[in-house]
Structures are given as structure tokens and as C-alpha cells.
Amino acid sequence: MVARDPSGAEELLERAHSAAEQALSEFRTVVRGIIPPVPADRGLTGALTGRAVSCPAQCRIDVDVPNRCAASVSFFHPE
């Protein structure tokens, strides 16, 4: 198609690129829903502290967890 219709090929590539970016964005959303990045990277304390920082009300975080939770533990329960 590049040889016979360069502008059409360019348009097709742009649409394919946009579709790939959208698919990647949707995939990242799904992955974050499975394993949220903050708890996975910084543990429960880091996740709660991050949420408290963005909270409009004053918060104090006091977490006493003897061990890091397994990755299979769900930190957020959207219902």
C-alpha cells in the first residue's frame, strides 16, 4: 500500500497507532485493577499514606502489620 497509496498508508498507520495506544491504556487499567501499583511497590503502609496525602481531611496513618501482605491479597474492594 505504501508504494501505490502513500497517503492512505500513512492514514492507516496513524489509525493503527492510535488503536494500539488505546489498547495499551485499557490494558494498563486492567492490570492496575488486578494489582494496584502503589501497594505492590510500597506495601500497605505506602498505599494508605498515599491515599491520606490526597485526602482533603487531615489524616493520621498508624499501620501495624508484622509482615508484608501477599500479592494475592486485595487492598481495594470496589463494590
PDB file of N, CA and C in Angstrom:
ATOM      1  N   MET A   1       0.824  -1.189   0.000  1.00  0.00           N
ATOM      2  CA  MET A   1       0.000   0.000   0.000  1.00  0.00           C
ATOM      3  C   MET A   1       0.874   1.262   0.000  1.00  0.00           C
ATOM      4  N   VAL A   2       2.039   1.184   0.619  1.00  0.00           N
ATOM      5  CA  VAL A   2       2.936   2.345   0.667  1.00  0.00           C
ATOM      6  C   VAL A   2       3.330   2.772  -0.741  1.00  0.00           C
ATOM      7  N   ALA A   3       3.584   1.803  -1.631  1.00  0.00           N
ATOM      8  CA  ALA A   3       4.015   2.119  -2.991  1.00  0.00           C
ATOM      9  C   ALA A   3       2.885   2.705  -3.834  1.00  0.00           C
ATOM     10  N   ARG A   4       1.671   2.173  -3.689  1.00  0.00           N
ATOM     11  CA  ARG A   4       0.585   2.638  -4.558  1.00  0.00           C
ATOM     12  C   ARG A   4      -0.247   3.766  -3.962  1.00  0.00           C
ATOM     13  N   ASP A   5      -0.283   3.918  -2.615  1.00  0.00           N
ATOM     14  CA  ASP A   5      -1.086   4.968  -1.977  1.00  0.00           C
ATOM     15  C   ASP A   5      -0.421   5.415  -0.680  1.00  0.00           C
ATOM     16  N   PRO A   6       0.648   6.221  -0.793  1.00  0.00           N
ATOM     17  CA  PRO A   6       1.401   6.629   0.393  1.00  0.00           C
ATOM     18  C   PRO A   6       0.552   7.369   1.434  1.00  0.00           C
ATOM     19  N   SER A   7      -0.327   8.251   0.998  1.00  0.00           N
ATOM     20  CA  SER A   7      -1.137   8.996   1.971  1.00  0.00           C
ATOM     21  C   SER A   7      -2.145   8.069   2.668  1.00  0.00           C
ATOM     22  N   GLY A   8      -2.692   7.123   1.921  1.00  0.00           N
ATOM     23  CA  GLY A   8      -3.612   6.149   2.517  1.00  0.00           C
ATOM     24  C   GLY A   8      -2.895   5.256   3.515  1.00  0.00           C
ATOM     25  N   ALA A   9      -1.661   4.870   3.175  1.00  0.00           N
ATOM     26  CA  ALA A   9      -0.863   4.040   4.075  1.00  0.00           C
ATOM     27  C   ALA A   9      -0.539   4.807   5.353  1.00  0.00           C
ATOM     28  N   GLU A  10      -0.223   6.086   5.207  1.00  0.00           N
ATOM     29  CA  GLU A  10       0.090   6.920   6.375  1.00  0.00           C
ATOM     30  C   GLU A  10      -1.133   7.034   7.293  1.00  0.00           C
ATOM     31  N   GLU A  11      -2.293   7.251   6.694  1.00  0.00           N
ATOM     32  CA  GLU A  11      -3.529   7.350   7.480  1.00  0.00           C
ATOM     33  C   GLU A  11      -3.817   6.031   8.200  1.00  0.00           C
ATOM     34  N   LEU A  12      -3.627   4.918   7.497  1.00  0.00           N
ATOM     35  CA  LEU A  12      -3.848   3.603   8.092  1.00  0.00           C
ATOM     36  C   LEU A  12      -2.899   3.358   9.264  1.00  0.00           C
ATOM     37  N   LEU A  13      -1.632   3.736   9.085  1.00  0.00           N
ATOM     38  CA  LEU A  13      -0.657   3.591  10.166  1.00  0.00           C
ATOM     39  C   LEU A  13      -1.012   4.470  11.360  1.00  0.00           C
ATOM     40  N   GLU A  14      -1.486   5.675  11.126  1.00  0.00           N
ATOM     41  CA  GLU A  14      -1.897   6.562  12.217  1.00  0.00           C
ATOM     42  C   GLU A  14      -3.069   5.968  12.989  1.00  0.00           C
ATOM     43  N   ARG A  15      -4.046   5.404  12.278  1.00  0.00           N
ATOM     44  CA  ARG A  15      -5.188   4.771  12.948  1.00  0.00           C
ATOM     45  C   ARG A  15      -4.740   3.553  13.746  1.00  0.00           C
ATOM     46  N   ALA A  16      -3.833   2.759  13.164  1.00  0.00           N
ATOM     47  CA  ALA A  16      -3.320   1.579  13.868  1.00  0.00           C
ATOM     48  C   ALA A  16      -2.548   1.991  15.119  1.00  0.00           C
ATOM     49  N   HIS A  17      -1.774   3.062  15.007  1.00  0.00           N
ATOM     50  CA  HIS A  17      -1.012   3.563  16.152  1.00  0.00           C
ATOM     51  C   HIS A  17      -1.958   4.034  17.247  1.00  0.00           C
ATOM     52  N   SER A  18      -2.993   4.769  16.892  1.00  0.00           N
ATOM     53  CA  SER A  18      -3.980   5.238  17.871  1.00  0.00           C
ATOM     54  C   SER A  18      -4.690   4.067  18.544  1.00  0.00           C
ATOM     55  N   ALA A  19      -5.056   3.069  17.761  1.00  0.00           N
ATOM     56  CA  ALA A  19      -5.726   1.888  18.314  1.00  0.00           C
ATOM     57  C   ALA A  19      -4.802   1.138  19.269  1.00  0.00           C
ATOM     58  N   ALA A  20      -3.527   1.049  18.917  1.00  0.00           N
ATOM     59  CA  ALA A  20      -2.560   0.373  19.786  1.00  0.00           C
ATOM     60  C   ALA A  20      -2.373   1.144  21.090  1.00  0.00           C
ATOM     61  N   GLU A  21      -2.307   2.477  21.021  1.00  0.00           N
ATOM     62  CA  GLU A  21      -2.189   3.288  22.233  1.00  0.00           C
ATOM     63  C   GLU A  21      -3.419   3.124  23.122  1.00  0.00           C
ATOM     64  N   GLN A  22      -4.596   3.107  22.525  1.00  0.00           N
ATOM     65  CA  GLN A  22      -5.821   2.927  23.296  1.00  0.00           C
ATOM     66  C   GLN A  22      -5.849   1.536  23.941  1.00  0.00           C
ATOM     67  N   ALA A  23      -5.468   0.514  23.208  1.00  0.00           N
ATOM     68  CA  ALA A  23      -5.440  -0.846  23.750  1.00  0.00           C
ATOM     69  C   ALA A  23      -4.453  -0.942  24.908  1.00  0.00           C
ATOM     70  N   LEU A  24      -3.297  -0.320  24.772  1.00  0.00           N
ATOM     71  CA  LEU A  24      -2.303  -0.327  25.839  1.00  0.00           C
ATOM     72  C   LEU A  24      -2.827   0.390  27.078  1.00  0.00           C
ATOM     73  N   SER A  25      -3.499   1.507  26.880  1.00  0.00           N
ATOM     74  CA  SER A  25      -4.083   2.236  28.002  1.00  0.00           C
ATOM     75  C   SER A  25      -5.132   1.395  28.725  1.00  0.00           C
ATOM     76  N   GLU A  26      -5.984   0.722  27.964  1.00  0.00           N
ATOM     77  CA  GLU A  26      -7.008  -0.134  28.562  1.00  0.00           C
ATOM     78  C   GLU A  26      -6.361  -1.314  29.291  1.00  0.00           C
ATOM     79  N   PHE A  27      -5.303  -1.868  28.725  1.00  0.00           N
ATOM     80  CA  PHE A  27      -4.591  -2.977  29.355  1.00  0.00           C
ATOM     81  C   PHE A  27      -3.991  -2.530  30.687  1.00  0.00           C
ATOM     82  N   ARG A  28      -3.384  -1.338  30.703  1.00  0.00           N
ATOM     83  CA  ARG A  28      -2.812  -0.820  31.958  1.00  0.00           C
ATOM     84  C   ARG A  28      -3.890  -0.638  33.015  1.00  0.00           C
ATOM     85  N   THR A  29      -5.064  -0.185  32.615  1.00  0.00           N
ATOM     86  CA  THR A  29      -6.178  -0.025  33.552  1.00  0.00           C
ATOM     87  C   THR A  29      -6.574  -1.369  34.146  1.00  0.00           C
ATOM     88  N   VAL A  30      -6.638  -2.384  33.320  1.00  0.00           N
ATOM     89  CA  VAL A  30      -6.986  -3.726  33.804  1.00  0.00           C
ATOM     90  C   VAL A  30      -5.918  -4.234  34.770  1.00  0.00           C
ATOM     91  N   VAL A  31      -4.653  -4.069  34.414  1.00  0.00           N
ATOM     92  CA  VAL A  31      -3.563  -4.546  35.269  1.00  0.00           C
ATOM     93  C   VAL A  31      -3.581  -3.815  36.605  1.00  0.00           C
ATOM     94  N   ARG A  32      -3.803  -2.517  36.593  1.00  0.00           N
ATOM     95  CA  ARG A  32      -3.862  -1.754  37.847  1.00  0.00           C
ATOM     96  C   ARG A  32      -5.023  -2.209  38.716  1.00  0.00           C
ATOM     97  N   GLY A  33      -6.092  -2.669  38.077  1.00  0.00           N
ATOM     98  CA  GLY A  33      -7.219  -3.197  38.835  1.00  0.00           C
ATOM     99  C   GLY A  33      -6.900  -4.526  39.484  1.00  0.00           C
ATOM    100  N   ILE A  34      -6.008  -5.283  38.883  1.00  0.00           N
ATOM    101  CA  ILE A  34      -5.617  -6.580  39.429  1.00  0.00           C
ATOM    102  C   ILE A  34      -4.596  -6.392  40.552  1.00  0.00           C
ATOM    103  N   ILE A  35      -3.548  -5.671  40.270  1.00  0.00           N
ATOM    104  CA  ILE A  35      -2.512  -5.382  41.265  1.00  0.00           C
ATOM    105  C   ILE A  35      -2.235  -3.881  41.227  1.00  0.00           C
ATOM    106  N   PRO A  36      -2.866  -3.114  42.124  1.00  0.00           N
ATOM    107  CA  PRO A  36      -2.599  -1.675  42.135  1.00  0.00           C
ATOM    108  C   PRO A  36      -1.109  -1.410  42.344  1.00  0.00           C
ATOM    109  N   PRO A  37      -0.530  -0.454  41.615  1.00  0.00           N
ATOM    110  CA  PRO A  37       0.920  -0.258  41.652  1.00  0.00           C
ATOM    111  C   PRO A  37       1.473   0.176  42.998  1.00  0.00           C
ATOM    112  N   VAL A  38       0.783   1.030  43.725  1.00  0.00           N
ATOM    113  CA  VAL A  38       1.341   1.515  44.990  1.00  0.00           C
ATOM    114  C   VAL A  38       1.434   0.400  46.023  1.00  0.00           C
ATOM    115  N   PRO A  39       0.350  -0.357  46.281  1.00  0.00           N
ATOM    116  CA  PRO A  39       0.512  -1.454  47.248  1.00  0.00           C
ATOM    117  C   PRO A  39       1.540  -2.489  46.804  1.00  0.00           C
ATOM    118  N   ALA A  40       1.595  -2.754  45.521  1.00  0.00           N
ATOM    119  CA  ALA A  40       2.557  -3.734  45.022  1.00  0.00           C
ATOM    120  C   ALA A  40       3.989  -3.241  45.211  1.00  0.00           C
ATOM    121  N   ASP A  41       4.214  -1.939  45.017  1.00  0.00           N
ATOM    122  CA  ASP A  41       5.569  -1.374  45.119  1.00  0.00           C
ATOM    123  C   ASP A  41       5.953  -1.003  46.552  1.00  0.00           C
ATOM    124  N   ARG A  42       5.033  -0.354  47.282  1.00  0.00           N
ATOM    125  CA  ARG A  42       5.378   0.202  48.590  1.00  0.00           C
ATOM    126  C   ARG A  42       4.646  -0.440  49.756  1.00  0.00           C
ATOM    127  N   GLY A  43       3.838  -1.448  49.503  1.00  0.00           N
ATOM    128  CA  GLY A  43       3.138  -2.124  50.581  1.00  0.00           C
ATOM    129  C   GLY A  43       1.915  -1.358  51.064  1.00  0.00           C
ATOM    130  N   LEU A  44       1.255  -1.920  52.056  1.00  0.00           N
ATOM    131  CA  LEU A  44       0.020  -1.340  52.579  1.00  0.00           C
ATOM    132  C   LEU A  44       0.246   0.033  53.187  1.00  0.00           C
ATOM    133  N   THR A  45       1.321   0.190  53.952  1.00  0.00           N
ATOM    134  CA  THR A  45       1.608   1.484  54.583  1.00  0.00           C
ATOM    135  C   THR A  45       1.781   2.572  53.533  1.00  0.00           C
ATOM    136  N   GLY A  46       2.546   2.295  52.493  1.00  0.00           N
ATOM    137  CA  GLY A  46       2.751   3.273  51.423  1.00  0.00           C
ATOM    138  C   GLY A  46       1.470   3.600  50.695  1.00  0.00           C
ATOM    139  N   ALA A  47       0.631   2.579  50.476  1.00  0.00           N
ATOM    140  CA  ALA A  47      -0.644   2.813  49.793  1.00  0.00           C
ATOM    141  C   ALA A  47      -1.557   3.699  50.628  1.00  0.00           C
ATOM    142  N   LEU A  48      -1.663   3.399  51.920  1.00  0.00           N
ATOM    143  CA  LEU A  48      -2.526   4.203  52.789  1.00  0.00           C
ATOM    144  C   LEU A  48      -1.995   5.621  52.952  1.00  0.00           C
ATOM    145  N   THR A  49      -0.694   5.758  53.071  1.00  0.00           N
ATOM    146  CA  THR A  49      -0.092   7.092  53.185  1.00  0.00           C
ATOM    147  C   THR A  49      -0.353   7.905  51.924  1.00  0.00           C
ATOM    148  N   GLY A  50      -0.225   7.277  50.775  1.00  0.00           N
ATOM    149  CA  GLY A  50      -0.508   7.963  49.506  1.00  0.00           C
ATOM    150  C   GLY A  50      -1.947   8.428  49.413  1.00  0.00           C
ATOM    151  N   ARG A  51      -2.882   7.599  49.889  1.00  0.00           N
ATOM    152  CA  ARG A  51      -4.296   7.988  49.875  1.00  0.00           C
ATOM    153  C   ARG A  51      -4.536   9.134  50.852  1.00  0.00           C
ATOM    154  N   ALA A  52      -3.885   9.089  52.014  1.00  0.00           N
ATOM    155  CA  ALA A  52      -4.084  10.126  53.029  1.00  0.00           C
ATOM    156  C   ALA A  52      -3.577  11.482  52.548  1.00  0.00           C
ATOM    157  N   VAL A  53      -2.486  11.483  51.814  1.00  0.00           N
ATOM    158  CA  VAL A  53      -1.919  12.741  51.312  1.00  0.00           C
ATOM    159  C   VAL A  53      -2.914  13.469  50.416  1.00  0.00           C
ATOM    160  N   SER A  54      -3.674  12.718  49.628  1.00  0.00           N
ATOM    161  CA  SER A  54      -4.614  13.353  48.700  1.00  0.00           C
ATOM    162  C   SER A  54      -5.999  13.582  49.318  1.00  0.00           C
ATOM    163  N   CYS A  55      -6.160  13.225  50.576  1.00  0.00           N
ATOM    164  CA  CYS A  55      -7.450  13.391  51.246  1.00  0.00           C
ATOM    165  C   CYS A  55      -7.614  14.838  51.705  1.00  0.00           C
ATOM    166  N   PRO A  56      -8.790  15.444  51.487  1.00  0.00           N
ATOM    167  CA  PRO A  56      -8.992  16.841  51.915  1.00  0.00           C
ATOM    168  C   PRO A  56      -9.050  16.990  53.431  1.00  0.00           C
ATOM    169  N   ALA A  57      -9.393  15.935  54.163  1.00  0.00           N
ATOM    170  CA  ALA A  57      -9.433  15.995  55.624  1.00  0.00           C
ATOM    171  C   ALA A  57      -8.078  15.573  56.180  1.00  0.00           C
ATOM    172  N   GLN A  58      -7.727  16.080  57.339  1.00  0.00           N
ATOM    173  CA  GLN A  58      -6.468  15.710  57.965  1.00  0.00           C
ATOM    174  C   GLN A  58      -6.534  14.240  58.370  1.00  0.00           C
ATOM    175  N   CYS A  59      -5.476  13.498  58.070  1.00  0.00           N
ATOM    176  CA  CYS A  59      -5.436  12.062  58.361  1.00  0.00           C
ATOM    177  C   CYS A  59      -4.149  11.715  59.109  1.00  0.00           C
ATOM    178  N   ARG A  60      -4.254  10.689  59.921  1.00  0.00           N
ATOM    179  CA  ARG A  60      -3.076  10.118  60.560  1.00  0.00           C
ATOM    180  C   ARG A  60      -3.085   8.628  60.252  1.00  0.00           C
ATOM    181  N   ILE A  61      -1.976   8.105  59.779  1.00  0.00           N
ATOM    182  CA  ILE A  61      -1.879   6.699  59.420  1.00  0.00           C
ATOM    183  C   ILE A  61      -1.053   5.979  60.480  1.00  0.00           C
ATOM    184  N   ASP A  62      -1.611   4.923  61.041  1.00  0.00           N
ATOM    185  CA  ASP A  62      -0.910   4.099  62.022  1.00  0.00           C
ATOM    186  C   ASP A  62      -1.129   2.647  61.619  1.00  0.00           C
ATOM    187  N   VAL A  63      -0.142   2.069  60.963  1.00  0.00           N
ATOM    188  CA  VAL A  63      -0.256   0.706  60.462  1.00  0.00           C
ATOM    189  C   VAL A  63       0.695  -0.190  61.244  1.00  0.00           C
ATOM    190  N   ASP A  64       0.156  -1.272  61.761  1.00  0.00           N
ATOM    191  CA  ASP A  64       0.970  -2.238  62.493  1.00  0.00           C
ATOM    192  C   ASP A  64       0.731  -3.609  61.870  1.00  0.00           C
ATOM    193  N   VAL A  65       1.466  -3.887  60.823  1.00  0.00           N
ATOM    194  CA  VAL A  65       1.362  -5.164  60.129  1.00  0.00           C
ATOM    195  C   VAL A  65       2.724  -5.828  60.264  1.00  0.00           C
ATOM    196  N   PRO A  66       2.783  -6.998  60.929  1.00  0.00           N
ATOM    197  CA  PRO A  66       4.082  -7.611  61.193  1.00  0.00           C
ATOM    198  C   PRO A  66       4.844  -8.028  59.931  1.00  0.00           C
ATOM    199  N   ASN A  67       4.121  -8.429  58.895  1.00  0.00           N
ATOM    200  CA  ASN A  67       4.759  -8.870  57.646  1.00  0.00           C
ATOM    201  C   ASN A  67       4.045  -8.225  56.472  1.00  0.00           C
ATOM    202  N   ARG A  68       4.741  -8.161  55.365  1.00  0.00           N
ATOM    203  CA  ARG A  68       4.125  -7.647  54.147  1.00  0.00           C
ATOM    204  C   ARG A  68       3.066  -8.639  53.675  1.00  0.00           C
ATOM    205  N   CYS A  69       1.919  -8.122  53.259  1.00  0.00           N
ATOM    206  CA  CYS A  69       0.831  -8.976  52.774  1.00  0.00           C
ATOM    207  C   CYS A  69       1.229  -9.628  51.452  1.00  0.00           C
ATOM    208  N   ALA A  70       0.701 -10.805  51.218  1.00  0.00           N
ATOM    209  CA  ALA A  70       0.953 -11.498  49.955  1.00  0.00           C
ATOM    210  C   ALA A  70       0.348 -10.713  48.804  1.00  0.00           C
ATOM    211  N   ALA A  71       0.927 -10.840  47.627  1.00  0.00           N
ATOM    212  CA  ALA A  71       0.417 -10.134  46.444  1.00  0.00           C
ATOM    213  C   ALA A  71      -1.001 -10.527  46.109  1.00  0.00           C
ATOM    214  N   SER A  72      -1.417 -11.715  46.543  1.00  0.00           N
ATOM    215  CA  SER A  72      -2.785 -12.170  46.240  1.00  0.00           C
ATOM    216  C   SER A  72      -3.839 -11.474  47.096  1.00  0.00           C
ATOM    217  N   VAL A  73      -3.424 -10.768  48.128  1.00  0.00           N
ATOM    218  CA  VAL A  73      -4.369 -10.042  48.986  1.00  0.00           C
ATOM    219  C   VAL A  73      -4.843  -8.805  48.254  1.00  0.00           C
ATOM    220  N   SER A  74      -6.140  -8.613  48.192  1.00  0.00           N
ATOM    221  CA  SER A  74      -6.700  -7.443  47.524  1.00  0.00           C
ATOM    222  C   SER A  74      -6.764  -6.289  48.496  1.00  0.00           C
ATOM    223  N   PHE A  75      -6.147  -5.155  48.140  1.00  0.00           N
ATOM    224  CA  PHE A  75      -6.127  -3.985  49.008  1.00  0.00           C
ATOM    225  C   PHE A  75      -7.371  -3.124  48.852  1.00  0.00           C
ATOM    226  N   PHE A  76      -7.970  -3.149  47.696  1.00  0.00           N
ATOM    227  CA  PHE A  76      -9.114  -2.291  47.421  1.00  0.00           C
ATOM    228  C   PHE A  76     -10.276  -3.164  46.982  1.00  0.00           C
ATOM    229  N   HIS A  77     -11.430  -2.904  47.520  1.00  0.00           N
ATOM    230  CA  HIS A  77     -12.623  -3.699  47.192  1.00  0.00           C
ATOM    231  C   HIS A  77     -13.682  -2.806  46.546  1.00  0.00           C
ATOM    232  N   PRO A  78     -13.543  -2.472  45.251  1.00  0.00           N
ATOM    233  CA  PRO A  78     -14.564  -1.635  44.615  1.00  0.00           C
ATOM    234  C   PRO A  78     -15.869  -2.431  44.492  1.00  0.00           C
ATOM    235  N   GLU A  79     -16.897  -1.931  45.108  1.00  0.00           N
ATOM    236  CA  GLU A  79     -18.191  -2.625  45.052  1.00  0.00           C
ATOM    237  C   GLU A  79     -19.302  -1.685  44.674  1.00  0.00           C
TER     238      GLU A  79
END
